[in-house]
Amino acid sequence: MKSIVKGFAFAASLALAPFAATAGGHGEDLKYILVSHAPDSDSWWNTIKNGIALAGEQMGVEVQYRNPPTGDLADMARIIEQAAASGPHGIITTLSDYDVLKGPIQEAVASGVDVIIMNSGTPDQAREVGALMYVGQPEYDAGLAAGQRAKGDGVTSFLCVNHYISSPSSSERCQGFADGLEIDLGNQMIDAGQDPAEIKNRVLAYLSANPDTDAVLTLGPTSADPTLLALEENGMAGDIYFGTFDLGTEIVNGIKADVIQWGIDQQPFLQAYLPVVVLTNYHRYGVLPGNNINSGPGFVTKDGLEMVEKFAGEFR
C-alpha cells in the first residue's frame, strides 16, 4: 500500500504545486458528496471509499461518502435530496435505477449542484439527468464481452448469481453474458439475495436441479464468496467454468487456485477518484473532459495477479 500511496503523493505534489501558485482563491473550500446504492454489508465499496478519500486529500477538497445502510433505493433517493440540500459544489452518484433516482438527481442539477454519474447507469442516462459526465463500466457491454469469452471457451449454459436483482444494471450483466453466448437468459439468472448463507444454498439448489450447467457467473464478492463455498461443498470447484465481476481477496484466491477462470475489473478506485479530480479542476479552472470515461472492463486472470493481489480490496 505504501508504494502506491507514495506514487500518488508524488503525482499529487506535481499537480498541487501550481495550485498554490496560481489558484488565487479559485475553488477554495470545495465540498463533494458521493452517494452510492450499496448496503453497508458490501465490502466491495471499500475501494470506492479509498478512491474518494485519496482524491480529496490530493486535491485539497472536502469529500463525504453516503449510502443507504440496507441498499434500499428509495432511501438512496432521499439521501441524494438531503445531499443536494446541504449545499455541496458537486455530487457524485450511482444511477442504479433510472426511474427511482432520476428525479432527485435532476432536482439537484436544477438547484445548481454539478453532478457526475459513476459506476452504474449509462452515459446516455447521465446526459438525460443533466450530469456533466459518466465514469464507469458499461454493464451490458462488460457482460457481453464476458459471454463472448466464455463462448470461445466452450460454455453453452450458465447460472448467473444476481445478489442485487433490484438494480437493473446487475441484470444487464447477466443479459449481456447470455447474449455473448448467443443463448436465451431464461431462468439462468437467480435472485440470490444478500445473505451469504442463503446465496450458498440457492447456488447449491440450482446446480443440483440443473447438473449439466456449464458455467457460473457471479456479480461481485457478495455473491462470489458464498458461491466458492457452494462449489467446494458439492465438489464442483475447479471443474465448472467460473467467471465473476469485480475483485476481492477470496476472488483472487479463487483465481490463483484455478477455481475461478477470470475476474472482471471495472477499476472502482478510478470511478471514485477521477470524478473528484474532474470536478475540482472544473470548479477551479472551468476545464472539463469532452468525453465520458470507461473505467473497464478488464479481464484479470492468473497470469496478471501480482499487482491485483497486492491491492485487492484497497485499490483494485
Protein backbone atom coordinates (compact mmCIF):
# COMPACT_ATOMS: atom_id res chain seq x y z
CA MET A 1 0.00 0.00 0.00
CA LYS A 2 2.84 2.38 0.84
CA SER A 3 4.32 2.25 -2.65
CA ILE A 4 1.11 3.19 -4.42
CA VAL A 5 0.35 5.93 -1.90
CA LYS A 6 3.85 7.33 -2.39
CA GLY A 7 3.32 7.25 -6.14
CA PHE A 8 0.05 9.10 -5.85
CA ALA A 9 1.60 11.51 -3.39
CA PHE A 10 4.39 12.30 -5.84
CA ALA A 11 1.90 12.84 -8.65
CA ALA A 12 -0.18 14.98 -6.34
CA SER A 13 2.82 17.11 -5.37
CA LEU A 14 3.39 17.89 -9.04
CA ALA A 15 -0.29 18.59 -9.61
CA LEU A 16 -0.89 20.62 -6.47
CA ALA A 17 2.22 22.77 -6.64
CA PRO A 18 0.77 25.00 -9.40
CA PHE A 19 -2.48 25.30 -7.41
CA ALA A 20 -0.70 27.09 -4.61
CA ALA A 21 0.90 29.50 -7.06
CA THR A 22 -1.97 30.12 -9.45
CA ALA A 23 -5.26 29.21 -7.81
CA GLY A 24 -5.56 32.70 -6.36
CA GLY A 25 -8.62 31.86 -4.28
CA HIS A 26 -10.38 29.93 -7.03
CA GLY A 27 -12.12 26.84 -5.81
CA GLU A 28 -11.35 27.15 -2.12
CA ASP A 29 -13.45 25.18 0.36
CA LEU A 30 -14.88 22.87 -2.27
CA LYS A 31 -17.15 20.09 -1.00
CA TYR A 32 -18.20 16.93 -2.82
CA ILE A 33 -20.54 14.12 -1.73
CA LEU A 34 -20.50 10.63 -3.22
CA VAL A 35 -23.79 8.74 -2.86
CA SER A 36 -23.80 5.03 -3.66
CA HIS A 37 -26.56 2.42 -3.75
CA ALA A 38 -24.50 -0.11 -1.77
CA PRO A 39 -25.61 -1.52 1.57
CA ASP A 40 -23.19 -1.35 4.49
CA SER A 41 -22.56 -5.09 4.16
CA ASP A 42 -20.98 -4.83 0.69
CA SER A 43 -17.20 -4.70 1.25
CA TRP A 44 -16.50 -4.11 -2.46
CA TRP A 45 -17.24 -0.43 -1.88
CA ASN A 46 -14.24 -0.03 0.42
CA THR A 47 -12.20 0.62 -2.73
CA ILE A 48 -14.61 3.41 -3.67
CA LYS A 49 -14.13 4.92 -0.22
CA ASN A 50 -10.36 4.75 -0.61
CA GLY A 51 -10.56 6.40 -4.02
CA ILE A 52 -12.65 9.35 -2.92
CA ALA A 53 -10.57 9.83 0.25
CA LEU A 54 -7.26 9.91 -1.60
CA ALA A 55 -8.61 12.25 -4.28
CA GLY A 56 -9.94 14.61 -1.61
CA GLU A 57 -6.58 14.64 0.15
CA GLN A 58 -4.61 15.23 -3.03
CA MET A 59 -6.90 17.90 -4.42
CA GLY A 60 -7.36 19.67 -1.09
CA VAL A 61 -11.17 19.40 -1.05
CA GLU A 62 -13.75 18.03 1.38
CA VAL A 63 -15.31 14.70 0.41
CA GLN A 64 -18.06 12.63 2.01
CA TYR A 65 -19.41 9.15 1.33
CA ARG A 66 -23.09 8.37 1.93
CA ASN A 67 -25.21 5.30 1.22
CA PRO A 68 -28.48 3.61 2.23
CA PRO A 69 -27.49 1.14 5.00
CA THR A 70 -29.68 -1.66 3.60
CA GLY A 71 -29.30 -0.76 -0.07
CA ASP A 72 -32.88 0.49 -0.32
CA LEU A 73 -33.14 2.67 -3.44
CA ALA A 74 -35.97 4.82 -2.09
CA ASP A 75 -33.69 5.59 0.85
CA MET A 76 -30.90 6.41 -1.60
CA ALA A 77 -33.18 8.87 -3.40
CA ARG A 78 -33.79 10.65 -0.09
CA ILE A 79 -30.05 10.73 0.60
CA ILE A 80 -29.45 12.44 -2.75
CA GLU A 81 -32.10 15.02 -1.88
CA GLN A 82 -30.50 15.61 1.52
CA ALA A 83 -27.04 15.83 -0.02
CA ALA A 84 -28.20 18.47 -2.52
CA ALA A 85 -29.92 20.45 0.24
CA SER A 86 -26.66 20.60 2.21
CA GLY A 87 -25.17 22.83 -0.48
CA PRO A 88 -22.20 20.89 -1.90
CA HIS A 89 -20.39 22.04 -5.02
CA GLY A 90 -20.85 18.63 -6.57
CA ILE A 91 -22.50 15.24 -6.13
CA ILE A 92 -21.03 12.02 -7.46
CA THR A 93 -23.67 9.32 -7.55
CA THR A 94 -24.54 5.94 -8.94
CA LEU A 95 -27.61 5.61 -11.14
CA SER A 96 -28.55 2.04 -10.31
CA ASP A 97 -32.24 2.57 -11.10
CA TYR A 98 -33.01 5.36 -13.53
CA ASP A 99 -36.73 5.58 -12.73
CA VAL A 100 -36.20 5.85 -8.96
CA LEU A 101 -33.22 8.21 -8.97
CA LYS A 102 -33.65 10.49 -11.98
CA GLY A 103 -35.98 12.89 -10.12
CA PRO A 104 -33.68 13.67 -7.17
CA ILE A 105 -30.67 13.96 -9.49
CA GLN A 106 -32.45 16.33 -11.87
CA GLU A 107 -33.58 18.41 -8.91
CA ALA A 108 -30.01 18.61 -7.64
CA VAL A 109 -28.81 19.79 -11.06
CA ALA A 110 -31.63 22.34 -11.23
CA SER A 111 -30.56 23.72 -7.87
CA GLY A 112 -27.08 24.44 -9.21
CA VAL A 113 -25.21 21.36 -7.99
CA ASP A 114 -22.89 19.77 -10.56
CA VAL A 115 -23.33 16.01 -10.84
CA ILE A 116 -21.18 13.20 -12.18
CA ILE A 117 -22.68 9.72 -12.57
CA MET A 118 -20.37 6.86 -11.68
CA ASN A 119 -20.40 3.06 -11.52
CA SER A 120 -23.95 2.34 -12.72
CA GLY A 121 -26.31 3.78 -15.24
CA THR A 122 -25.19 4.70 -18.76
CA PRO A 123 -23.63 7.70 -20.49
CA ASP A 124 -26.98 8.37 -22.20
CA GLN A 125 -28.83 8.30 -18.88
CA ALA A 126 -26.21 10.58 -17.33
CA ARG A 127 -26.82 13.10 -20.09
CA GLU A 128 -30.59 12.81 -19.70
CA VAL A 129 -30.48 13.70 -16.00
CA GLY A 130 -28.20 16.67 -16.68
CA ALA A 131 -24.95 15.26 -15.32
CA LEU A 132 -21.61 16.57 -16.51
CA MET A 133 -20.36 13.12 -17.49
CA TYR A 134 -20.30 9.41 -16.73
CA VAL A 135 -17.38 7.47 -15.23
CA GLY A 136 -17.77 3.71 -15.10
CA GLN A 137 -18.07 0.40 -16.84
CA PRO A 138 -20.87 -0.11 -19.40
CA GLU A 139 -22.50 -3.08 -17.69
CA TYR A 140 -24.22 -4.72 -20.64
CA ASP A 141 -21.08 -4.40 -22.76
CA ALA A 142 -18.99 -5.94 -19.98
CA GLY A 143 -21.40 -8.85 -19.69
CA LEU A 144 -21.39 -9.27 -23.48
CA ALA A 145 -17.58 -9.38 -23.56
CA ALA A 146 -17.60 -11.95 -20.76
CA GLY A 147 -20.13 -14.09 -22.60
CA GLN A 148 -18.14 -13.96 -25.83
CA ARG A 149 -15.03 -15.02 -23.93
CA ALA A 150 -16.91 -17.90 -22.28
CA LYS A 151 -18.38 -18.96 -25.62
CA GLY A 152 -14.87 -19.20 -27.00
CA ASP A 153 -14.04 -21.46 -24.06
CA GLY A 154 -16.92 -23.80 -24.94
CA VAL A 155 -19.62 -22.65 -22.49
CA THR A 156 -23.21 -23.21 -23.65
CA SER A 157 -25.21 -22.82 -20.39
CA PHE A 158 -24.72 -20.97 -17.14
CA LEU A 159 -26.03 -19.79 -13.80
CA CYS A 160 -25.94 -16.04 -13.10
CA VAL A 161 -25.94 -15.42 -9.35
CA ASN A 162 -27.54 -11.97 -9.03
CA HIS A 163 -27.19 -10.67 -5.48
CA TYR A 164 -28.66 -7.24 -6.27
CA ILE A 165 -31.51 -8.00 -8.61
CA SER A 166 -33.37 -4.78 -7.78
CA SER A 167 -30.63 -2.88 -9.62
CA PRO A 168 -31.25 -3.03 -13.39
CA SER A 169 -27.52 -2.69 -14.08
CA SER A 170 -26.93 -6.03 -12.35
CA SER A 171 -29.41 -7.77 -14.62
CA GLU A 172 -27.74 -6.12 -17.63
CA ARG A 173 -24.56 -8.05 -16.76
CA CYS A 174 -26.45 -11.36 -16.84
CA GLN A 175 -28.30 -10.46 -20.05
CA GLY A 176 -25.10 -9.36 -21.74
CA PHE A 177 -23.45 -12.65 -20.77
CA ALA A 178 -26.34 -14.63 -22.28
CA ASP A 179 -26.20 -12.57 -25.47
CA GLY A 180 -22.45 -13.10 -25.69
CA LEU A 181 -23.09 -16.84 -25.52
CA GLU A 182 -25.89 -16.39 -28.10
CA ILE A 183 -28.44 -18.13 -25.88
CA ASP A 184 -31.58 -17.03 -24.03
CA LEU A 185 -31.17 -15.86 -20.46
CA GLY A 186 -34.38 -17.63 -19.45
CA ASN A 187 -34.26 -18.94 -15.88
CA GLN A 188 -30.47 -18.98 -15.74
CA MET A 189 -30.42 -15.86 -13.54
CA ILE A 190 -31.43 -16.32 -9.89
CA ASP A 191 -32.30 -13.76 -7.24
CA ALA A 192 -29.62 -14.74 -4.72
CA GLY A 193 -30.31 -12.08 -2.09
CA GLN A 194 -27.64 -10.57 0.14
CA ASP A 195 -27.29 -13.16 2.91
CA PRO A 196 -24.16 -15.31 2.36
CA ALA A 197 -25.75 -18.50 3.71
CA GLU A 198 -28.82 -18.03 1.52
CA ILE A 199 -26.68 -17.33 -1.55
CA LYS A 200 -24.75 -20.54 -0.97
CA ASN A 201 -27.94 -22.56 -0.54
CA ARG A 202 -29.56 -21.13 -3.67
CA VAL A 203 -26.47 -21.88 -5.77
CA LEU A 204 -26.40 -25.44 -4.42
CA ALA A 205 -30.10 -25.87 -5.14
CA TYR A 206 -29.83 -24.58 -8.71
CA LEU A 207 -26.83 -26.74 -9.57
CA SER A 208 -28.49 -29.78 -8.02
CA ALA A 209 -31.60 -29.20 -10.16
CA ASN A 210 -29.51 -28.35 -13.26
CA PRO A 211 -26.47 -30.65 -13.09
CA ASP A 212 -25.49 -30.06 -16.73
CA THR A 213 -24.81 -26.33 -16.15
CA ASP A 214 -21.51 -25.43 -17.83
CA ALA A 215 -20.64 -22.22 -16.00
CA VAL A 216 -21.31 -19.93 -13.07
CA LEU A 217 -21.24 -16.14 -13.31
CA THR A 218 -21.24 -14.05 -10.13
CA LEU A 219 -21.54 -10.28 -9.95
CA GLY A 220 -19.04 -9.42 -7.21
CA PRO A 221 -17.61 -10.63 -3.89
CA THR A 222 -21.05 -10.62 -2.24
CA SER A 223 -22.15 -13.49 -4.50
CA ALA A 224 -18.73 -14.89 -5.48
CA ASP A 225 -17.54 -15.71 -1.96
CA PRO A 226 -20.58 -17.85 -1.00
CA THR A 227 -20.53 -19.46 -4.45
CA LEU A 228 -16.95 -20.56 -3.86
CA LEU A 229 -18.12 -22.26 -0.66
CA ALA A 230 -21.00 -23.91 -2.51
CA LEU A 231 -18.70 -25.35 -5.16
CA GLU A 232 -16.35 -26.66 -2.52
CA GLU A 233 -19.29 -28.36 -0.81
CA ASN A 234 -20.74 -30.03 -3.91
CA GLY A 235 -17.34 -30.99 -5.34
CA MET A 236 -17.59 -28.79 -8.46
CA ALA A 237 -14.79 -26.37 -7.53
CA GLY A 238 -12.25 -26.40 -10.34
CA ASP A 239 -14.50 -28.49 -12.59
CA ILE A 240 -17.21 -25.95 -13.50
CA TYR A 241 -16.33 -22.84 -15.50
CA PHE A 242 -16.47 -19.86 -13.11
CA GLY A 243 -16.25 -16.20 -14.04
CA THR A 244 -17.04 -13.20 -11.88
CA PHE A 245 -17.36 -9.46 -11.94
CA ASP A 246 -15.11 -7.45 -9.66
CA LEU A 247 -12.26 -8.45 -7.39
CA GLY A 248 -11.69 -9.20 -3.73
CA THR A 249 -9.48 -11.33 -1.54
CA GLU A 250 -11.43 -14.57 -1.99
CA ILE A 251 -11.87 -13.98 -5.71
CA VAL A 252 -8.11 -13.50 -6.10
CA ASN A 253 -7.52 -16.69 -4.12
CA GLY A 254 -10.00 -18.49 -6.36
CA ILE A 255 -8.19 -17.34 -9.49
CA LYS A 256 -4.85 -18.47 -8.03
CA ALA A 257 -6.33 -21.87 -7.24
CA ASP A 258 -7.74 -22.30 -10.80
CA VAL A 259 -11.29 -22.38 -9.41
CA ILE A 260 -12.20 -19.01 -10.98
CA GLN A 261 -11.15 -18.52 -14.62
CA TRP A 262 -11.25 -14.72 -14.57
CA GLY A 263 -12.47 -11.66 -12.74
CA ILE A 264 -13.69 -8.52 -14.50
CA ASP A 265 -12.01 -5.46 -13.02
CA GLN A 266 -14.10 -2.34 -13.53
CA GLN A 267 -11.48 -0.41 -11.52
CA PRO A 268 -13.76 1.07 -8.85
CA PHE A 269 -10.89 3.14 -7.48
CA LEU A 270 -10.96 5.20 -10.68
CA GLN A 271 -14.75 5.50 -10.51
CA ALA A 272 -14.44 7.44 -7.25
CA TYR A 273 -11.05 9.07 -7.71
CA LEU A 274 -11.50 10.57 -11.18
CA PRO A 275 -14.83 12.39 -10.55
CA VAL A 276 -13.28 14.29 -7.63
CA VAL A 277 -10.32 15.32 -9.77
CA VAL A 278 -12.60 16.30 -12.68
CA LEU A 279 -14.98 18.33 -10.50
CA THR A 280 -12.15 20.11 -8.69
CA ASN A 281 -10.49 21.23 -11.90
CA TYR A 282 -13.85 22.18 -13.36
CA HIS A 283 -14.66 24.39 -10.40
CA ARG A 284 -11.18 25.88 -10.17
CA TYR A 285 -10.40 26.43 -13.83
CA GLY A 286 -13.52 25.67 -15.87
CA VAL A 287 -11.93 22.71 -17.67
CA LEU A 288 -13.88 19.52 -18.34
CA PRO A 289 -13.05 16.37 -20.34
CA GLY A 290 -15.09 16.19 -23.52
CA ASN A 291 -15.94 12.51 -23.23
CA ASN A 292 -17.25 10.05 -20.69
CA ILE A 293 -14.65 7.79 -19.07
CA ASN A 294 -14.85 4.00 -19.29
CA SER A 295 -13.10 2.53 -16.26
CA GLY A 296 -13.49 -1.07 -17.50
CA PRO A 297 -13.93 -3.87 -18.28
CA GLY A 298 -10.60 -5.60 -17.96
CA PHE A 299 -10.17 -9.34 -17.51
CA VAL A 300 -7.88 -10.42 -14.68
CA THR A 301 -6.52 -13.96 -14.99
CA LYS A 302 -3.93 -15.97 -13.12
CA ASP A 303 -1.17 -14.56 -15.33
CA GLY A 304 -1.72 -10.97 -14.17
CA LEU A 305 -2.34 -11.28 -10.46
CA GLU A 306 0.74 -9.74 -8.83
CA MET A 307 -0.43 -6.12 -8.58
CA VAL A 308 -4.07 -7.14 -8.24
CA GLU A 309 -3.35 -9.44 -5.33
CA LYS A 310 -1.28 -6.78 -3.62
CA PHE A 311 -4.04 -4.18 -3.72
CA ALA A 312 -7.23 -6.29 -3.86
CA GLY A 313 -9.91 -4.75 -1.69
CA GLU A 314 -7.99 -1.48 -1.37
CA PHE A 315 -7.27 -0.06 -4.81
CA ARG A 316 -8.29 -2.95 -7.12
